[in-house]
Amino acid sequence: MDPPPPSGVDVSRPSVARMYDCYLGGKNNYPSDRAAVAAVKEALPNIIEIVAEGRHFLRRVIRYMCYQGIDQFIDIGSGLPSADNTHQVAQRVNPKARVVYVDIDEAAVVQGRQILSGNPSTAFIQGSVLDLEPILNHPETRNLIDFSKPVGVVMMGLLHFFDIDVDRGILNLLRQKLASGSMISFTHGVLDYQSEEAVKDLLAAYARTPTPLIMRTMTDIATVMKGFPAVEPGLVLLHNWKMDMAEDGEPEPPQSLIWAGTVLVV
């Protein structure tokens, strides 16, 4: 049985955030979301594996940052905080870890706040990565995040919706605002290892959404992060990034060859 929807949230229309929850096997989605996911799967049969690979990378990144002493995180473009998300991973390593989730989708924020109720070390705010100042200065962000200390910022599957200059502007502003020792991680769709037909199908699937995708080569993605030191092994396909950071017993992730990711040091 589906959970009762939060007051004021229209679940008759699919939500990108709830669709993502569905991809991950979460329980905070509804028939409209599952129908939309089924349509995407028709165009892109391995979408579940693609999303699972990205989530596996997120977990390794958060664990790595925690083991480097970071105990406060901002997850921008997070989707719903369910299906083993940032706060759950971080708080398994450090129960005192604090997480601010940010999403542009108002429905996701309403539902996310309901999911997080009772966890005072988390917050969920509405905002766009294209307007970072209100996110960083939001009262709930300031309540949980001490910007005089290192912060871990994650932007999973986000920068490939914008042009390169916009991406560089986002990273440079974060560098200005974050304390030395902070870390920024992002993932990005990559062209190098895909057939022309596979790329065409992926772009077509996203072209039917409000957020068309921009795929790039590894060389082009590297220009986004130019000037930032990167944690070894740098910008790589997701399955090549610190697999030793996986939790004990965690199954091997899929290898779609369609995601690149990295962690940058401020």
C-alpha atoms as a PDB file:
ATOM      1  CA  MET A   1       0.000   0.000   0.000  1.00  0.00           C
ATOM      2  CA  ASP A   2       1.284   3.467  -0.880  1.00  0.00           C
ATOM      3  CA  PRO A   3       2.042   5.914   1.952  1.00  0.00           C
ATOM      4  CA  PRO A   4      -0.490   8.726   2.454  1.00  0.00           C
ATOM      5  CA  PRO A   5       0.701  11.730   0.430  1.00  0.00           C
ATOM      6  CA  PRO A   6       1.768  14.835   2.338  1.00  0.00           C
ATOM      7  CA  SER A   7      -0.887  17.500   2.600  1.00  0.00           C
ATOM      8  CA  GLY A   8      -0.957  19.709  -0.488  1.00  0.00           C
ATOM      9  CA  VAL A   9       1.136  17.377  -2.656  1.00  0.00           C
ATOM     10  CA  ASP A  10      -0.480  16.316  -5.947  1.00  0.00           C
ATOM     11  CA  VAL A  11       0.540  12.721  -6.577  1.00  0.00           C
ATOM     12  CA  SER A  12      -1.620  12.347  -9.692  1.00  0.00           C
ATOM     13  CA  ARG A  13       1.266  13.739 -11.729  1.00  0.00           C
ATOM     14  CA  PRO A  14       4.767  12.203 -11.678  1.00  0.00           C
ATOM     15  CA  SER A  15       7.561  13.902  -9.778  1.00  0.00           C
ATOM     16  CA  VAL A  16      11.188  13.583 -10.876  1.00  0.00           C
ATOM     17  CA  ALA A  17      12.221  13.209  -7.225  1.00  0.00           C
ATOM     18  CA  ARG A  18       9.688  10.425  -6.583  1.00  0.00           C
ATOM     19  CA  MET A  19      10.648   8.739  -9.855  1.00  0.00           C
ATOM     20  CA  TYR A  20      14.236   8.663  -8.599  1.00  0.00           C
ATOM     21  CA  ASP A  21      13.005   7.100  -5.372  1.00  0.00           C
ATOM     22  CA  CYS A  22      11.226   4.471  -7.474  1.00  0.00           C
ATOM     23  CA  TYR A  23      14.387   3.728  -9.478  1.00  0.00           C
ATOM     24  CA  LEU A  24      16.164   3.058  -6.197  1.00  0.00           C
ATOM     25  CA  GLY A  25      13.479   0.741  -4.860  1.00  0.00           C
ATOM     26  CA  GLY A  26      12.171   3.270  -2.340  1.00  0.00           C
ATOM     27  CA  LYS A  27       8.637   3.397  -0.977  1.00  0.00           C
ATOM     28  CA  ASN A  28       7.870   7.111  -1.340  1.00  0.00           C
ATOM     29  CA  ASN A  29       6.371   7.002  -4.826  1.00  0.00           C
ATOM     30  CA  TYR A  30       2.923   6.636  -6.349  1.00  0.00           C
ATOM     31  CA  PRO A  31       1.221   5.088  -9.408  1.00  0.00           C
ATOM     32  CA  SER A  32       1.843   8.169 -11.565  1.00  0.00           C
ATOM     33  CA  ASP A  33       5.567   7.999 -10.759  1.00  0.00           C
ATOM     34  CA  ARG A  34       5.767   4.281 -11.451  1.00  0.00           C
ATOM     35  CA  ALA A  35       3.995   4.718 -14.786  1.00  0.00           C
ATOM     36  CA  ALA A  36       6.513   7.416 -15.770  1.00  0.00           C
ATOM     37  CA  VAL A  37       9.398   5.156 -14.718  1.00  0.00           C
ATOM     38  CA  ALA A  38       7.978   2.358 -16.867  1.00  0.00           C
ATOM     39  CA  ALA A  39       7.924   4.716 -19.857  1.00  0.00           C
ATOM     40  CA  VAL A  40      11.555   5.718 -19.282  1.00  0.00           C
ATOM     41  CA  LYS A  41      12.548   2.059 -18.992  1.00  0.00           C
ATOM     42  CA  GLU A  42      11.052   1.418 -22.411  1.00  0.00           C
ATOM     43  CA  ALA A  43      13.330   4.061 -23.916  1.00  0.00           C
ATOM     44  CA  LEU A  44      16.286   3.254 -21.660  1.00  0.00           C
ATOM     45  CA  PRO A  45      16.140  -0.368 -20.431  1.00  0.00           C
ATOM     46  CA  ASN A  46      19.167  -0.065 -18.121  1.00  0.00           C
ATOM     47  CA  ILE A  47      18.006   3.083 -16.290  1.00  0.00           C
ATOM     48  CA  ILE A  48      17.670   1.170 -12.995  1.00  0.00           C
ATOM     49  CA  GLU A  49      21.295   0.032 -13.215  1.00  0.00           C
ATOM     50  CA  ILE A  50      22.425   3.550 -14.152  1.00  0.00           C
ATOM     51  CA  VAL A  51      20.729   5.052 -11.100  1.00  0.00           C
ATOM     52  CA  ALA A  52      21.939   2.272  -8.800  1.00  0.00           C
ATOM     53  CA  GLU A  53      25.520   2.855  -9.946  1.00  0.00           C
ATOM     54  CA  GLY A  54      25.213   6.543  -9.142  1.00  0.00           C
ATOM     55  CA  ARG A  55      23.861   5.820  -5.663  1.00  0.00           C
ATOM     56  CA  HIS A  56      26.672   3.355  -4.973  1.00  0.00           C
ATOM     57  CA  PHE A  57      29.154   6.114  -5.859  1.00  0.00           C
ATOM     58  CA  LEU A  58      27.368   8.572  -3.543  1.00  0.00           C
ATOM     59  CA  ARG A  59      27.693   6.160  -0.631  1.00  0.00           C
ATOM     60  CA  ARG A  60      31.428   5.698  -1.235  1.00  0.00           C
ATOM     61  CA  VAL A  61      31.942   9.461  -1.525  1.00  0.00           C
ATOM     62  CA  ILE A  62      30.120  10.201   1.724  1.00  0.00           C
ATOM     63  CA  ARG A  63      32.027   7.502   3.564  1.00  0.00           C
ATOM     64  CA  TYR A  64      35.329   8.813   2.199  1.00  0.00           C
ATOM     65  CA  MET A  65      34.514  12.371   3.279  1.00  0.00           C
ATOM     66  CA  CYS A  66      33.498  11.161   6.740  1.00  0.00           C
ATOM     67  CA  TYR A  67      36.797   9.302   7.135  1.00  0.00           C
ATOM     68  CA  GLN A  68      38.582  12.540   6.188  1.00  0.00           C
ATOM     69  CA  GLY A  69      36.932  14.195   9.205  1.00  0.00           C
ATOM     70  CA  ILE A  70      34.041  15.956   7.462  1.00  0.00           C
ATOM     71  CA  ASP A  71      30.865  15.757   9.512  1.00  0.00           C
ATOM     72  CA  GLN A  72      28.581  18.238   7.742  1.00  0.00           C
ATOM     73  CA  PHE A  73      27.156  17.936   4.249  1.00  0.00           C
ATOM     74  CA  ILE A  74      25.035  19.795   1.712  1.00  0.00           C
ATOM     75  CA  ASP A  75      23.358  17.574  -0.880  1.00  0.00           C
ATOM     76  CA  ILE A  76      22.190  19.779  -3.770  1.00  0.00           C
ATOM     77  CA  GLY A  77      19.651  18.381  -6.218  1.00  0.00           C
ATOM     78  CA  SER A  78      19.125  15.537  -3.798  1.00  0.00           C
ATOM     79  CA  GLY A  79      15.707  14.224  -4.682  1.00  0.00           C
ATOM     80  CA  LEU A  80      13.860  12.548  -1.821  1.00  0.00           C
ATOM     81  CA  PRO A  81      16.009  11.630   1.220  1.00  0.00           C
ATOM     82  CA  SER A  82      15.077   7.973   1.071  1.00  0.00           C
ATOM     83  CA  ALA A  83      16.508   4.671  -0.149  1.00  0.00           C
ATOM     84  CA  ASP A  84      19.773   4.953   1.826  1.00  0.00           C
ATOM     85  CA  ASN A  85      20.563   8.576   1.183  1.00  0.00           C
ATOM     86  CA  THR A  86      23.293  10.913   2.387  1.00  0.00           C
ATOM     87  CA  HIS A  87      22.287  11.318   6.027  1.00  0.00           C
ATOM     88  CA  GLN A  88      21.849   7.577   6.533  1.00  0.00           C
ATOM     89  CA  VAL A  89      25.268   6.789   5.073  1.00  0.00           C
ATOM     90  CA  ALA A  90      27.021   9.596   6.960  1.00  0.00           C
ATOM     91  CA  GLN A  91      25.358   8.848  10.272  1.00  0.00           C
ATOM     92  CA  ARG A  92      26.369   5.194  10.092  1.00  0.00           C
ATOM     93  CA  VAL A  93      29.978   6.404  10.103  1.00  0.00           C
ATOM     94  CA  ASN A  94      29.445   9.374  12.417  1.00  0.00           C
ATOM     95  CA  PRO A  95      26.112   9.548  14.281  1.00  0.00           C
ATOM     96  CA  LYS A  96      26.677  13.281  14.792  1.00  0.00           C
ATOM     97  CA  ALA A  97      26.910  14.045  11.063  1.00  0.00           C
ATOM     98  CA  ARG A  98      24.606  16.830   9.848  1.00  0.00           C
ATOM     99  CA  VAL A  99      23.035  17.026   6.396  1.00  0.00           C
ATOM    100  CA  VAL A 100      21.133  19.733   4.525  1.00  0.00           C
ATOM    101  CA  TYR A 101      19.218  18.486   1.498  1.00  0.00           C
ATOM    102  CA  VAL A 102      18.344  20.896  -1.300  1.00  0.00           C
ATOM    103  CA  ASP A 103      15.987  20.398  -4.214  1.00  0.00           C
ATOM    104  CA  ILE A 104      14.216  22.723  -6.615  1.00  0.00           C
ATOM    105  CA  ASP A 105      11.047  20.583  -6.589  1.00  0.00           C
ATOM    106  CA  GLU A 106       8.593  21.995  -4.031  1.00  0.00           C
ATOM    107  CA  ALA A 107       6.720  18.688  -3.785  1.00  0.00           C
ATOM    108  CA  ALA A 108       9.996  16.888  -3.022  1.00  0.00           C
ATOM    109  CA  VAL A 109      10.762  19.391  -0.268  1.00  0.00           C
ATOM    110  CA  VAL A 110       7.342  18.949   1.356  1.00  0.00           C
ATOM    111  CA  GLN A 111       7.578  15.179   1.237  1.00  0.00           C
ATOM    112  CA  GLY A 112      11.261  15.194   2.198  1.00  0.00           C
ATOM    113  CA  ARG A 113      10.553  17.193   5.326  1.00  0.00           C
ATOM    114  CA  GLN A 114       7.919  14.659   6.305  1.00  0.00           C
ATOM    115  CA  ILE A 115      10.395  11.807   5.801  1.00  0.00           C
ATOM    116  CA  LEU A 116      13.048  13.584   7.889  1.00  0.00           C
ATOM    117  CA  SER A 117      10.773  14.598  10.748  1.00  0.00           C
ATOM    118  CA  GLY A 118      12.306  13.439  13.980  1.00  0.00           C
ATOM    119  CA  ASN A 119      15.903  13.709  12.737  1.00  0.00           C
ATOM    120  CA  PRO A 120      17.187  17.048  14.110  1.00  0.00           C
ATOM    121  CA  SER A 121      20.555  16.602  12.378  1.00  0.00           C
ATOM    122  CA  THR A 122      18.951  17.027   8.967  1.00  0.00           C
ATOM    123  CA  ALA A 123      17.031  19.685   7.073  1.00  0.00           C
ATOM    124  CA  PHE A 124      15.417  19.909   3.652  1.00  0.00           C
ATOM    125  CA  ILE A 125      15.189  23.274   1.905  1.00  0.00           C
ATOM    126  CA  GLN A 126      14.012  24.410  -1.503  1.00  0.00           C
ATOM    127  CA  GLY A 127      16.595  25.972  -3.778  1.00  0.00           C
ATOM    128  CA  SER A 128      18.405  25.885  -7.095  1.00  0.00           C
ATOM    129  CA  VAL A 129      22.104  25.286  -7.634  1.00  0.00           C
ATOM    130  CA  LEU A 130      21.894  28.219 -10.071  1.00  0.00           C
ATOM    131  CA  ASP A 131      21.220  30.497  -7.086  1.00  0.00           C
ATOM    132  CA  LEU A 132      23.606  29.303  -4.394  1.00  0.00           C
ATOM    133  CA  GLU A 133      23.608  32.287  -2.042  1.00  0.00           C
ATOM    134  CA  PRO A 134      20.075  31.681  -0.683  1.00  0.00           C
ATOM    135  CA  ILE A 135      20.958  28.033  -0.124  1.00  0.00           C
ATOM    136  CA  LEU A 136      24.133  28.807   1.800  1.00  0.00           C
ATOM    137  CA  ASN A 137      22.497  31.598   3.805  1.00  0.00           C
ATOM    138  CA  HIS A 138      19.210  29.831   4.527  1.00  0.00           C
ATOM    139  CA  PRO A 139      18.426  29.807   8.275  1.00  0.00           C
ATOM    140  CA  GLU A 140      18.156  26.012   8.328  1.00  0.00           C
ATOM    141  CA  THR A 141      21.506  25.700   6.556  1.00  0.00           C
ATOM    142  CA  ARG A 142      23.113  28.091   9.015  1.00  0.00           C
ATOM    143  CA  ASN A 143      21.579  26.180  11.896  1.00  0.00           C
ATOM    144  CA  LEU A 144      23.277  22.927  10.883  1.00  0.00           C
ATOM    145  CA  ILE A 145      26.362  23.948   8.900  1.00  0.00           C
ATOM    146  CA  ASP A 146      29.384  25.723  10.383  1.00  0.00           C
ATOM    147  CA  PHE A 147      31.045  27.344   7.379  1.00  0.00           C
ATOM    148  CA  SER A 148      34.236  28.009   9.335  1.00  0.00           C
ATOM    149  CA  LYS A 149      34.868  24.246   9.125  1.00  0.00           C
ATOM    150  CA  PRO A 150      35.116  21.859   6.153  1.00  0.00           C
ATOM    151  CA  VAL A 151      31.873  20.956   4.430  1.00  0.00           C
ATOM    152  CA  GLY A 152      31.154  18.135   2.006  1.00  0.00           C
ATOM    153  CA  VAL A 153      29.024  19.225  -0.954  1.00  0.00           C
ATOM    154  CA  VAL A 154      27.580  16.619  -3.306  1.00  0.00           C
ATOM    155  CA  MET A 155      25.891  17.310  -6.637  1.00  0.00           C
ATOM    156  CA  MET A 156      25.001  13.960  -8.115  1.00  0.00           C
ATOM    157  CA  GLY A 157      23.699  13.930 -11.678  1.00  0.00           C
ATOM    158  CA  LEU A 158      23.284  17.702 -11.677  1.00  0.00           C
ATOM    159  CA  LEU A 159      26.003  19.528 -13.614  1.00  0.00           C
ATOM    160  CA  HIS A 160      25.172  17.784 -16.880  1.00  0.00           C
ATOM    161  CA  PHE A 161      22.033  19.916 -17.140  1.00  0.00           C
ATOM    162  CA  PHE A 162      24.016  23.145 -17.599  1.00  0.00           C
ATOM    163  CA  ASP A 163      26.670  24.516 -19.918  1.00  0.00           C
ATOM    164  CA  ILE A 164      30.323  24.406 -18.987  1.00  0.00           C
ATOM    165  CA  ASP A 165      30.600  28.062 -17.992  1.00  0.00           C
ATOM    166  CA  VAL A 166      27.648  27.685 -15.615  1.00  0.00           C
ATOM    167  CA  ASP A 167      29.198  24.561 -14.097  1.00  0.00           C
ATOM    168  CA  ARG A 168      32.509  26.345 -13.552  1.00  0.00           C
ATOM    169  CA  GLY A 169      30.690  29.287 -11.974  1.00  0.00           C
ATOM    170  CA  ILE A 170      28.964  26.950  -9.511  1.00  0.00           C
ATOM    171  CA  LEU A 171      32.250  25.327  -8.487  1.00  0.00           C
ATOM    172  CA  ASN A 172      34.089  28.647  -8.199  1.00  0.00           C
ATOM    173  CA  LEU A 173      31.396  30.188  -6.000  1.00  0.00           C
ATOM    174  CA  LEU A 174      31.463  27.167  -3.731  1.00  0.00           C
ATOM    175  CA  ARG A 175      35.244  27.491  -3.471  1.00  0.00           C
ATOM    176  CA  GLN A 176      34.815  31.107  -2.354  1.00  0.00           C
ATOM    177  CA  LYS A 177      32.261  30.213   0.313  1.00  0.00           C
ATOM    178  CA  LEU A 178      33.627  26.976   1.774  1.00  0.00           C
ATOM    179  CA  ALA A 179      36.399  26.559   4.333  1.00  0.00           C
ATOM    180  CA  SER A 180      39.751  25.115   3.315  1.00  0.00           C
ATOM    181  CA  GLY A 181      39.613  21.330   3.416  1.00  0.00           C
ATOM    182  CA  SER A 182      36.039  21.187   2.166  1.00  0.00           C
ATOM    183  CA  MET A 183      35.253  18.725  -0.609  1.00  0.00           C
ATOM    184  CA  ILE A 184      32.925  18.889  -3.608  1.00  0.00           C
ATOM    185  CA  SER A 185      31.782  15.811  -5.493  1.00  0.00           C
ATOM    186  CA  PHE A 186      29.823  15.577  -8.711  1.00  0.00           C
ATOM    187  CA  THR A 187      28.817  13.042 -11.315  1.00  0.00           C
ATOM    188  CA  HIS A 188      28.294  13.696 -15.000  1.00  0.00           C
ATOM    189  CA  GLY A 189      27.062  11.736 -18.006  1.00  0.00           C
ATOM    190  CA  VAL A 190      29.947  10.798 -20.283  1.00  0.00           C
ATOM    191  CA  LEU A 191      30.004  10.088 -24.019  1.00  0.00           C
ATOM    192  CA  ASP A 192      33.297   8.281 -24.518  1.00  0.00           C
ATOM    193  CA  TYR A 193      32.218   4.704 -23.891  1.00  0.00           C
ATOM    194  CA  GLN A 194      28.699   4.694 -25.366  1.00  0.00           C
ATOM    195  CA  SER A 195      27.448   3.889 -28.813  1.00  0.00           C
ATOM    196  CA  GLU A 196      25.859   6.662 -30.815  1.00  0.00           C
ATOM    197  CA  GLU A 197      22.510   4.855 -30.588  1.00  0.00           C
ATOM    198  CA  ALA A 198      22.666   4.538 -26.789  1.00  0.00           C
ATOM    199  CA  VAL A 199      23.450   8.238 -26.398  1.00  0.00           C
ATOM    200  CA  LYS A 200      20.623   9.121 -28.768  1.00  0.00           C
ATOM    201  CA  ASP A 201      18.140   7.056 -26.728  1.00  0.00           C
ATOM    202  CA  LEU A 202      19.281   8.605 -23.450  1.00  0.00           C
ATOM    203  CA  LEU A 203      19.089  12.168 -24.743  1.00  0.00           C
ATOM    204  CA  ALA A 204      15.683  11.463 -26.261  1.00  0.00           C
ATOM    205  CA  ALA A 205      14.356  10.138 -22.955  1.00  0.00           C
ATOM    206  CA  TYR A 206      15.442  13.300 -21.136  1.00  0.00           C
ATOM    207  CA  ALA A 207      14.291  15.574 -23.959  1.00  0.00           C
ATOM    208  CA  ARG A 208      10.733  14.709 -22.929  1.00  0.00           C
ATOM    209  CA  THR A 209      11.359  16.101 -19.438  1.00  0.00           C
ATOM    210  CA  PRO A 210      11.719  19.731 -18.241  1.00  0.00           C
ATOM    211  CA  THR A 211      15.469  19.110 -17.833  1.00  0.00           C
ATOM    212  CA  PRO A 212      17.187  17.985 -21.077  1.00  0.00           C
ATOM    213  CA  LEU A 213      20.540  16.323 -20.557  1.00  0.00           C
ATOM    214  CA  ILE A 214      23.940  17.428 -21.873  1.00  0.00           C
ATOM    215  CA  MET A 215      26.388  14.558 -22.364  1.00  0.00           C
ATOM    216  CA  ARG A 216      30.106  15.388 -22.611  1.00  0.00           C
ATOM    217  CA  THR A 217      33.422  13.689 -23.215  1.00  0.00           C
ATOM    218  CA  MET A 218      35.796  13.056 -20.334  1.00  0.00           C
ATOM    219  CA  THR A 219      38.054  15.783 -21.756  1.00  0.00           C
ATOM    220  CA  ASP A 220      35.231  18.329 -21.716  1.00  0.00           C
ATOM    221  CA  ILE A 221      34.157  17.371 -18.190  1.00  0.00           C
ATOM    222  CA  ALA A 222      37.761  17.836 -17.046  1.00  0.00           C
ATOM    223  CA  THR A 223      37.610  21.477 -18.158  1.00  0.00           C
ATOM    224  CA  VAL A 224      34.759  22.048 -15.678  1.00  0.00           C
ATOM    225  CA  MET A 225      37.031  21.167 -12.751  1.00  0.00           C
ATOM    226  CA  LYS A 226      40.171  22.834 -14.064  1.00  0.00           C
ATOM    227  CA  GLY A 227      42.117  24.491 -11.239  1.00  0.00           C
ATOM    228  CA  PHE A 228      40.700  22.245  -8.497  1.00  0.00           C
ATOM    229  CA  PRO A 229      42.855  19.563  -6.863  1.00  0.00           C
ATOM    230  CA  ALA A 230      41.093  16.207  -7.172  1.00  0.00           C
ATOM    231  CA  VAL A 231      41.237  13.290  -4.783  1.00  0.00           C
ATOM    232  CA  GLU A 232      42.945  10.326  -6.438  1.00  0.00           C
ATOM    233  CA  PRO A 233      42.117   8.791  -8.869  1.00  0.00           C
ATOM    234  CA  GLY A 234      40.647  12.049 -10.191  1.00  0.00           C
ATOM    235  CA  LEU A 235      37.862  12.103 -12.764  1.00  0.00           C
ATOM    236  CA  VAL A 236      37.036   8.502 -13.661  1.00  0.00           C
ATOM    237  CA  LEU A 237      34.171   6.209 -14.517  1.00  0.00           C
ATOM    238  CA  LEU A 238      32.233   5.624 -11.312  1.00  0.00           C
ATOM    239  CA  HIS A 239      33.273   1.999 -10.835  1.00  0.00           C
ATOM    240  CA  ASN A 240      36.932   3.094 -10.903  1.00  0.00           C
ATOM    241  CA  TRP A 241      36.578   5.464  -7.920  1.00  0.00           C
ATOM    242  CA  LYS A 242      37.662   4.045  -4.543  1.00  0.00           C
ATOM    243  CA  MET A 243      35.735   0.804  -4.459  1.00  0.00           C
ATOM    244  CA  ASP A 244      37.460   0.147  -1.126  1.00  0.00           C
ATOM    245  CA  MET A 245      35.116   2.759   0.378  1.00  0.00           C
ATOM    246  CA  ALA A 246      32.096   0.492  -0.131  1.00  0.00           C
ATOM    247  CA  GLU A 247      30.477  -0.827   3.019  1.00  0.00           C
ATOM    248  CA  ASP A 248      31.230  -4.408   4.040  1.00  0.00           C
ATOM    249  CA  GLY A 249      28.914  -6.793   2.261  1.00  0.00           C
ATOM    250  CA  GLU A 250      27.693  -4.216  -0.235  1.00  0.00           C
ATOM    251  CA  PRO A 251      27.127  -5.845  -3.637  1.00  0.00           C
ATOM    252  CA  GLU A 252      29.197  -4.812  -6.637  1.00  0.00           C
ATOM    253  CA  PRO A 253      27.558  -1.914  -8.461  1.00  0.00           C
ATOM    254  CA  PRO A 254      26.503  -2.117 -12.110  1.00  0.00           C
ATOM    255  CA  GLN A 255      28.982  -0.767 -14.656  1.00  0.00           C
ATOM    256  CA  SER A 256      27.035   1.281 -17.167  1.00  0.00           C
ATOM    257  CA  LEU A 257      30.071   3.173 -18.516  1.00  0.00           C
ATOM    258  CA  ILE A 258      27.830   6.227 -18.726  1.00  0.00           C
ATOM    259  CA  TRP A 259      28.795   8.067 -15.513  1.00  0.00           C
ATOM    260  CA  ALA A 260      31.996   9.862 -14.584  1.00  0.00           C
ATOM    261  CA  GLY A 261      32.610  11.254 -11.132  1.00  0.00           C
ATOM    262  CA  THR A 262      35.182  12.886  -8.928  1.00  0.00           C
ATOM    263  CA  VAL A 263      35.839  14.529  -5.572  1.00  0.00           C
ATOM    264  CA  LEU A 264      37.489  17.961  -5.540  1.00  0.00           C
ATOM    265  CA  VAL A 265      39.334  19.568  -2.640  1.00  0.00           C
ATOM    266  CA  VAL A 266      38.798  23.218  -1.737  1.00  0.00           C
END
